[in-house]
Amino acid sequence: MPVYIALTTLNENGREAVKTNPKKIKANKAALETMGVKVLGQYITLGRYDFVNIFEAKNEETILKAAVNLSGKGIAHTETLVALSVDSFTKIDWTAVICARTPSSAAAPP
């Protein structure tokens, strides 16, 4: 199943909600799972993002619905990335990739 990484930054309301009731973090995990998203990892981080979450979902539509549902609460901004394992990447047949360069564009510049 595809893996997704969500980088989340809380706004003021989100920070207050987490401080007031940290158990909401686990409630969000349960809500995601009811939407068909498996939570592989949840991390609270220091720096630019407050949370890094790793999810598994059957497709982009599933993860999009979950992201819109959670971001609609108005407590955070989330950037979601599609992740590909190194093993999957190295199995790609790159010889089948069509190069965008044409023979005339391959010539050395004047």
C-alpha atoms as a PDB file:
ATOM      1  CA  MET A   1       0.000   0.000   0.000  1.00  0.00           C
ATOM      2  CA  PRO A   2       1.237   3.540  -0.666  1.00  0.00           C
ATOM      3  CA  VAL A   3       2.929   5.399   2.182  1.00  0.00           C
ATOM      4  CA  TYR A   4       2.393   9.093   2.914  1.00  0.00           C
ATOM      5  CA  ILE A   5       4.233  11.487   5.204  1.00  0.00           C
ATOM      6  CA  ALA A   6       2.325  14.385   6.741  1.00  0.00           C
ATOM      7  CA  LEU A   7       4.253  17.392   8.033  1.00  0.00           C
ATOM      8  CA  THR A   8       2.005  19.336  10.376  1.00  0.00           C
ATOM      9  CA  THR A   9       2.299  22.788  11.918  1.00  0.00           C
ATOM     10  CA  LEU A  10      -0.210  23.721  14.597  1.00  0.00           C
ATOM     11  CA  ASN A  11      -1.715  27.185  14.727  1.00  0.00           C
ATOM     12  CA  GLU A  12      -2.474  28.913  18.043  1.00  0.00           C
ATOM     13  CA  ASN A  13      -5.786  27.053  18.432  1.00  0.00           C
ATOM     14  CA  GLY A  14      -4.065  23.747  17.744  1.00  0.00           C
ATOM     15  CA  ARG A  15      -1.296  24.392  20.268  1.00  0.00           C
ATOM     16  CA  GLU A  16      -3.890  25.301  22.880  1.00  0.00           C
ATOM     17  CA  ALA A  17      -5.945  22.190  22.106  1.00  0.00           C
ATOM     18  CA  VAL A  18      -2.903  19.918  22.469  1.00  0.00           C
ATOM     19  CA  LYS A  19      -1.849  21.591  25.722  1.00  0.00           C
ATOM     20  CA  THR A  20      -5.373  21.408  27.146  1.00  0.00           C
ATOM     21  CA  ASN A  21      -6.066  17.838  26.042  1.00  0.00           C
ATOM     22  CA  PRO A  22      -3.033  15.910  24.727  1.00  0.00           C
ATOM     23  CA  LYS A  23      -5.218  12.808  24.344  1.00  0.00           C
ATOM     24  CA  LYS A  24      -6.707  14.457  21.237  1.00  0.00           C
ATOM     25  CA  ILE A  25      -3.578  13.306  19.413  1.00  0.00           C
ATOM     26  CA  LYS A  26      -4.595   9.683  19.937  1.00  0.00           C
ATOM     27  CA  ALA A  27      -8.212  10.526  19.090  1.00  0.00           C
ATOM     28  CA  ASN A  28      -7.025  11.840  15.707  1.00  0.00           C
ATOM     29  CA  LYS A  29      -5.224   8.535  15.149  1.00  0.00           C
ATOM     30  CA  ALA A  30      -8.443   6.623  15.786  1.00  0.00           C
ATOM     31  CA  ALA A  31     -10.386   8.961  13.475  1.00  0.00           C
ATOM     32  CA  LEU A  32      -7.857   8.416  10.677  1.00  0.00           C
ATOM     33  CA  GLU A  33      -8.123   4.669  11.032  1.00  0.00           C
ATOM     34  CA  THR A  34     -11.906   4.823  10.642  1.00  0.00           C
ATOM     35  CA  MET A  35     -11.288   6.644   7.330  1.00  0.00           C
ATOM     36  CA  GLY A  36      -9.118   3.800   6.028  1.00  0.00           C
ATOM     37  CA  VAL A  37      -5.758   5.329   6.899  1.00  0.00           C
ATOM     38  CA  LYS A  38      -3.321   3.204   8.882  1.00  0.00           C
ATOM     39  CA  VAL A  39      -1.035   5.236  11.138  1.00  0.00           C
ATOM     40  CA  LEU A  40       2.472   3.759  10.911  1.00  0.00           C
ATOM     41  CA  GLY A  41       4.095   6.387  13.107  1.00  0.00           C
ATOM     42  CA  GLN A  42       3.356   9.646  14.922  1.00  0.00           C
ATOM     43  CA  TYR A  43       6.141  11.915  16.068  1.00  0.00           C
ATOM     44  CA  ILE A  44       6.125  15.227  17.890  1.00  0.00           C
ATOM     45  CA  THR A  45       9.061  17.213  16.573  1.00  0.00           C
ATOM     46  CA  LEU A  46      11.091  20.299  17.338  1.00  0.00           C
ATOM     47  CA  GLY A  47      11.733  22.784  14.589  1.00  0.00           C
ATOM     48  CA  ARG A  48       9.682  23.821  11.588  1.00  0.00           C
ATOM     49  CA  TYR A  49       6.989  21.143  12.035  1.00  0.00           C
ATOM     50  CA  ASP A  50       5.143  20.186  15.199  1.00  0.00           C
ATOM     51  CA  PHE A  51       4.274  16.673  14.029  1.00  0.00           C
ATOM     52  CA  VAL A  52       5.546  14.190  11.482  1.00  0.00           C
ATOM     53  CA  ASN A  53       3.104  11.387  10.775  1.00  0.00           C
ATOM     54  CA  ILE A  54       3.624   8.365   8.566  1.00  0.00           C
ATOM     55  CA  PHE A  55       0.492   6.843   7.056  1.00  0.00           C
ATOM     56  CA  GLU A  56      -0.492   4.017   4.791  1.00  0.00           C
ATOM     57  CA  ALA A  57      -3.609   4.299   2.637  1.00  0.00           C
ATOM     58  CA  LYS A  58      -4.938   2.481  -0.417  1.00  0.00           C
ATOM     59  CA  ASN A  59      -4.729   5.574  -2.649  1.00  0.00           C
ATOM     60  CA  GLU A  60      -4.397   9.349  -2.850  1.00  0.00           C
ATOM     61  CA  GLU A  61      -8.166   9.828  -2.635  1.00  0.00           C
ATOM     62  CA  THR A  62      -8.272   8.141   0.779  1.00  0.00           C
ATOM     63  CA  ILE A  63      -5.406  10.202   2.185  1.00  0.00           C
ATOM     64  CA  LEU A  64      -6.852  13.391   0.676  1.00  0.00           C
ATOM     65  CA  LYS A  65     -10.236  12.836   2.335  1.00  0.00           C
ATOM     66  CA  ALA A  66      -8.523  12.232   5.670  1.00  0.00           C
ATOM     67  CA  ALA A  67      -6.288  15.304   5.315  1.00  0.00           C
ATOM     68  CA  VAL A  68      -9.211  17.567   4.381  1.00  0.00           C
ATOM     69  CA  ASN A  69     -11.288  16.187   7.248  1.00  0.00           C
ATOM     70  CA  LEU A  70      -8.573  16.841   9.823  1.00  0.00           C
ATOM     71  CA  SER A  71      -7.394  20.182   8.446  1.00  0.00           C
ATOM     72  CA  GLY A  72     -11.014  21.349   8.333  1.00  0.00           C
ATOM     73  CA  LYS A  73     -10.893  21.595  12.120  1.00  0.00           C
ATOM     74  CA  GLY A  74      -8.900  24.809  11.727  1.00  0.00           C
ATOM     75  CA  ILE A  75      -6.088  23.886  14.098  1.00  0.00           C
ATOM     76  CA  ALA A  76      -3.217  23.042  11.781  1.00  0.00           C
ATOM     77  CA  HIS A  77      -1.613  23.277   8.375  1.00  0.00           C
ATOM     78  CA  THR A  78      -0.512  19.967   6.875  1.00  0.00           C
ATOM     79  CA  GLU A  79       1.735  19.207   3.926  1.00  0.00           C
ATOM     80  CA  THR A  80       1.360  15.626   2.716  1.00  0.00           C
ATOM     81  CA  LEU A  81       4.065  13.843   0.749  1.00  0.00           C
ATOM     82  CA  VAL A  82       3.930  10.595  -1.182  1.00  0.00           C
ATOM     83  CA  ALA A  83       6.769   8.339  -0.048  1.00  0.00           C
ATOM     84  CA  LEU A  84       8.446   5.556  -1.994  1.00  0.00           C
ATOM     85  CA  SER A  85      10.754   3.079  -0.278  1.00  0.00           C
ATOM     86  CA  VAL A  86      14.330   2.846  -1.506  1.00  0.00           C
ATOM     87  CA  ASP A  87      13.682  -0.798  -2.401  1.00  0.00           C
ATOM     88  CA  SER A  88      10.703   0.190  -4.571  1.00  0.00           C
ATOM     89  CA  PHE A  89      12.717   2.970  -6.194  1.00  0.00           C
ATOM     90  CA  THR A  90      15.607   0.692  -7.095  1.00  0.00           C
ATOM     91  CA  LYS A  91      13.209  -1.782  -8.772  1.00  0.00           C
ATOM     92  CA  ILE A  92      11.998   0.817 -11.299  1.00  0.00           C
ATOM     93  CA  ASP A  93      12.938  -0.070 -14.872  1.00  0.00           C
ATOM     94  CA  TRP A  94      14.544   3.232 -15.864  1.00  0.00           C
ATOM     95  CA  THR A  95      15.314   1.964 -19.364  1.00  0.00           C
ATOM     96  CA  ALA A  96      11.587   2.215 -20.132  1.00  0.00           C
ATOM     97  CA  VAL A  97      11.491   5.921 -19.258  1.00  0.00           C
ATOM     98  CA  ILE A  98      11.178   8.076 -22.371  1.00  0.00           C
ATOM     99  CA  CYS A  99      13.630  10.933 -22.400  1.00  0.00           C
ATOM    100  CA  ALA A 100      12.135  14.357 -23.101  1.00  0.00           C
ATOM    101  CA  ARG A 101      15.190  15.388 -25.119  1.00  0.00           C
ATOM    102  CA  THR A 102      14.926  15.234 -28.882  1.00  0.00           C
ATOM    103  CA  PRO A 103      17.931  14.508 -31.124  1.00  0.00           C
ATOM    104  CA  SER A 104      18.128  18.184 -32.123  1.00  0.00           C
ATOM    105  CA  SER A 105      18.111  19.348 -28.499  1.00  0.00           C
ATOM    106  CA  ALA A 106      20.819  16.808 -27.665  1.00  0.00           C
ATOM    107  CA  ALA A 107      23.314  18.614 -29.897  1.00  0.00           C
ATOM    108  CA  ALA A 108      26.011  20.661 -28.262  1.00  0.00           C
ATOM    109  CA  PRO A 109      25.156  24.344 -27.807  1.00  0.00           C
ATOM    110  CA  PRO A 110      26.603  26.721 -30.430  1.00  0.00           C
END
